[in-house]
Amino acid sequence: MNQIKDALIKKTLLPGEAMPSIRNLAKDLQISVITTKRAYEELEKEGLLKSVVGKGFYVCEQNTDFLKEKQVAMLENRFAAIVRDSKKAGIPLEDIQDTIKILYDAME
């Protein structure tokens, strides 16, 4: 689900685009067909995919700004936990910033 959401934000998946069949995606990812079906259904509930009977799932028109905002909110929660733990451990803000910078640069 996260990979599909990332692809929507990056616009590598476009509105109206057909998604791989549930069986093909499950085979490609080497996961259960049931897991793939649940992921597609959850993305449909979130308004990101739509199901067309007999044809499969398609990317919906969506507000990528909303998706991005949801991701930012999730990251803020994770950062809050890191900051809280860092403060408890007595780690200064500068050390946290340095660590984030090093990790960020390593991902390039």
C-alpha atoms as a PDB file:
ATOM      1  CA  MET A   1       0.000   0.000   0.000  1.00  0.00           C
ATOM      2  CA  ASN A   2       2.816   2.380   0.876  1.00  0.00           C
ATOM      3  CA  GLN A   3       4.558   1.742  -2.436  1.00  0.00           C
ATOM      4  CA  ILE A   4       1.365   2.551  -4.317  1.00  0.00           C
ATOM      5  CA  LYS A   5       0.837   5.703  -2.256  1.00  0.00           C
ATOM      6  CA  ASP A   6       4.432   6.765  -2.931  1.00  0.00           C
ATOM      7  CA  ALA A   7       3.941   6.152  -6.654  1.00  0.00           C
ATOM      8  CA  LEU A   8       0.814   8.321  -6.595  1.00  0.00           C
ATOM      9  CA  ILE A   9       2.651  11.161  -4.861  1.00  0.00           C
ATOM     10  CA  LYS A  10       5.590  10.889  -7.272  1.00  0.00           C
ATOM     11  CA  LYS A  11       3.103  10.653 -10.152  1.00  0.00           C
ATOM     12  CA  THR A  12       4.581   7.409 -11.476  1.00  0.00           C
ATOM     13  CA  LEU A  13       1.009   6.105 -11.245  1.00  0.00           C
ATOM     14  CA  LEU A  14      -1.447   8.372 -12.992  1.00  0.00           C
ATOM     15  CA  PRO A  15      -5.230   8.750 -12.722  1.00  0.00           C
ATOM     16  CA  GLY A  16      -7.070   6.272 -14.928  1.00  0.00           C
ATOM     17  CA  GLU A  17      -4.101   3.929 -15.111  1.00  0.00           C
ATOM     18  CA  ALA A  18      -4.895   0.219 -14.749  1.00  0.00           C
ATOM     19  CA  MET A  19      -3.334  -1.553 -11.797  1.00  0.00           C
ATOM     20  CA  PRO A  20      -1.790  -5.004 -12.164  1.00  0.00           C
ATOM     21  CA  SER A  21      -4.249  -7.821 -11.575  1.00  0.00           C
ATOM     22  CA  ILE A  22      -4.430  -9.072  -8.008  1.00  0.00           C
ATOM     23  CA  ARG A  23      -2.989 -12.436  -9.023  1.00  0.00           C
ATOM     24  CA  ASN A  24      -0.131 -10.958 -11.058  1.00  0.00           C
ATOM     25  CA  LEU A  25       0.827  -8.502  -8.325  1.00  0.00           C
ATOM     26  CA  ALA A  26       0.724 -11.231  -5.675  1.00  0.00           C
ATOM     27  CA  LYS A  27       2.943 -13.416  -7.858  1.00  0.00           C
ATOM     28  CA  ASP A  28       5.400 -10.578  -8.587  1.00  0.00           C
ATOM     29  CA  LEU A  29       5.665  -9.630  -4.894  1.00  0.00           C
ATOM     30  CA  GLN A  30       5.567 -13.261  -3.777  1.00  0.00           C
ATOM     31  CA  ILE A  31       2.750 -12.595  -1.332  1.00  0.00           C
ATOM     32  CA  SER A  32      -0.708 -14.017  -0.799  1.00  0.00           C
ATOM     33  CA  VAL A  33      -3.499 -13.165  -3.214  1.00  0.00           C
ATOM     34  CA  ILE A  34      -5.622 -12.434  -0.125  1.00  0.00           C
ATOM     35  CA  THR A  35      -3.079  -9.877   1.114  1.00  0.00           C
ATOM     36  CA  THR A  36      -3.007  -8.182  -2.279  1.00  0.00           C
ATOM     37  CA  LYS A  37      -6.803  -8.144  -2.464  1.00  0.00           C
ATOM     38  CA  ARG A  38      -7.024  -6.578   1.004  1.00  0.00           C
ATOM     39  CA  ALA A  39      -4.466  -3.922   0.062  1.00  0.00           C
ATOM     40  CA  TYR A  40      -6.385  -3.011  -3.099  1.00  0.00           C
ATOM     41  CA  GLU A  41      -9.662  -2.903  -1.159  1.00  0.00           C
ATOM     42  CA  GLU A  42      -8.126  -0.682   1.533  1.00  0.00           C
ATOM     43  CA  LEU A  43      -6.764   1.672  -1.133  1.00  0.00           C
ATOM     44  CA  GLU A  44     -10.230   1.717  -2.680  1.00  0.00           C
ATOM     45  CA  LYS A  45     -11.748   2.676   0.710  1.00  0.00           C
ATOM     46  CA  GLU A  46      -9.233   5.516   0.905  1.00  0.00           C
ATOM     47  CA  GLY A  47     -10.389   6.701  -2.527  1.00  0.00           C
ATOM     48  CA  LEU A  48      -7.100   5.996  -4.269  1.00  0.00           C
ATOM     49  CA  LEU A  49      -8.217   3.081  -6.434  1.00  0.00           C
ATOM     50  CA  LYS A  50     -11.534   2.159  -7.967  1.00  0.00           C
ATOM     51  CA  SER A  51     -12.765  -1.280  -8.887  1.00  0.00           C
ATOM     52  CA  VAL A  52     -14.387  -1.877 -12.252  1.00  0.00           C
ATOM     53  CA  VAL A  53     -16.278  -5.163 -12.347  1.00  0.00           C
ATOM     54  CA  GLY A  54     -14.684  -7.590 -14.765  1.00  0.00           C
ATOM     55  CA  LYS A  55     -11.808  -5.223 -15.555  1.00  0.00           C
ATOM     56  CA  GLY A  56      -9.838  -4.755 -12.337  1.00  0.00           C
ATOM     57  CA  PHE A  57      -8.606  -1.793 -10.345  1.00  0.00           C
ATOM     58  CA  TYR A  58      -7.768   1.653 -11.663  1.00  0.00           C
ATOM     59  CA  VAL A  59      -6.091   4.707 -10.170  1.00  0.00           C
ATOM     60  CA  CYS A  60      -8.637   7.338  -9.114  1.00  0.00           C
ATOM     61  CA  GLU A  61      -8.388  11.038  -9.578  1.00  0.00           C
ATOM     62  CA  GLN A  62      -7.023  12.094  -6.243  1.00  0.00           C
ATOM     63  CA  ASN A  63      -5.618  14.995  -4.394  1.00  0.00           C
ATOM     64  CA  THR A  64      -1.907  14.216  -4.101  1.00  0.00           C
ATOM     65  CA  ASP A  65      -1.543  17.179  -1.737  1.00  0.00           C
ATOM     66  CA  PHE A  66      -3.842  15.378   0.706  1.00  0.00           C
ATOM     67  CA  LEU A  67      -1.780  12.183   0.424  1.00  0.00           C
ATOM     68  CA  LYS A  68       1.421  14.117   0.991  1.00  0.00           C
ATOM     69  CA  GLU A  69      -0.096  15.877   4.016  1.00  0.00           C
ATOM     70  CA  LYS A  70      -1.049  12.502   5.499  1.00  0.00           C
ATOM     71  CA  GLN A  71       2.530  11.306   5.049  1.00  0.00           C
ATOM     72  CA  VAL A  72       3.914  14.465   6.652  1.00  0.00           C
ATOM     73  CA  ALA A  73       1.577  14.010   9.637  1.00  0.00           C
ATOM     74  CA  MET A  74       2.729  10.414  10.026  1.00  0.00           C
ATOM     75  CA  LEU A  75       6.373  11.512   9.904  1.00  0.00           C
ATOM     76  CA  GLU A  76       5.716  14.243  12.472  1.00  0.00           C
ATOM     77  CA  ASN A  77       4.395  11.596  14.860  1.00  0.00           C
ATOM     78  CA  ARG A  78       7.480   9.459  14.326  1.00  0.00           C
ATOM     79  CA  PHE A  79       9.775  12.465  14.799  1.00  0.00           C
ATOM     80  CA  ALA A  80       7.921  13.372  17.992  1.00  0.00           C
ATOM     81  CA  ALA A  81       8.658   9.925  19.409  1.00  0.00           C
ATOM     82  CA  ILE A  82      12.325  10.238  18.435  1.00  0.00           C
ATOM     83  CA  VAL A  83      12.603  13.692  20.000  1.00  0.00           C
ATOM     84  CA  ARG A  84      10.865  12.499  23.166  1.00  0.00           C
ATOM     85  CA  ASP A  85      13.232   9.508  23.469  1.00  0.00           C
ATOM     86  CA  SER A  86      16.247  11.686  22.690  1.00  0.00           C
ATOM     87  CA  LYS A  87      15.310  14.202  25.387  1.00  0.00           C
ATOM     88  CA  LYS A  88      14.869  11.392  27.921  1.00  0.00           C
ATOM     89  CA  ALA A  89      18.324  10.104  26.989  1.00  0.00           C
ATOM     90  CA  GLY A  90      19.835  13.600  27.259  1.00  0.00           C
ATOM     91  CA  ILE A  91      20.819  13.767  23.591  1.00  0.00           C
ATOM     92  CA  PRO A  92      21.132  17.397  22.425  1.00  0.00           C
ATOM     93  CA  LEU A  93      19.157  18.707  19.449  1.00  0.00           C
ATOM     94  CA  GLU A  94      22.358  19.305  17.467  1.00  0.00           C
ATOM     95  CA  ASP A  95      23.249  15.602  17.713  1.00  0.00           C
ATOM     96  CA  ILE A  96      19.785  14.613  16.498  1.00  0.00           C
ATOM     97  CA  GLN A  97      20.055  17.060  13.579  1.00  0.00           C
ATOM     98  CA  ASP A  98      23.537  15.768  12.698  1.00  0.00           C
ATOM     99  CA  THR A  99      22.303  12.171  12.757  1.00  0.00           C
ATOM    100  CA  ILE A 100      19.309  12.994  10.562  1.00  0.00           C
ATOM    101  CA  LYS A 101      21.566  14.862   8.100  1.00  0.00           C
ATOM    102  CA  ILE A 102      23.973  11.911   7.896  1.00  0.00           C
ATOM    103  CA  LEU A 103      21.129   9.434   7.362  1.00  0.00           C
ATOM    104  CA  TYR A 104      19.423  11.698   4.834  1.00  0.00           C
ATOM    105  CA  ASP A 105      22.619  12.144   2.819  1.00  0.00           C
ATOM    106  CA  ALA A 106      23.294   8.395   2.915  1.00  0.00           C
ATOM    107  CA  MET A 107      19.956   7.739   1.206  1.00  0.00           C
ATOM    108  CA  GLU A 108      20.902   9.629  -1.961  1.00  0.00           C
END
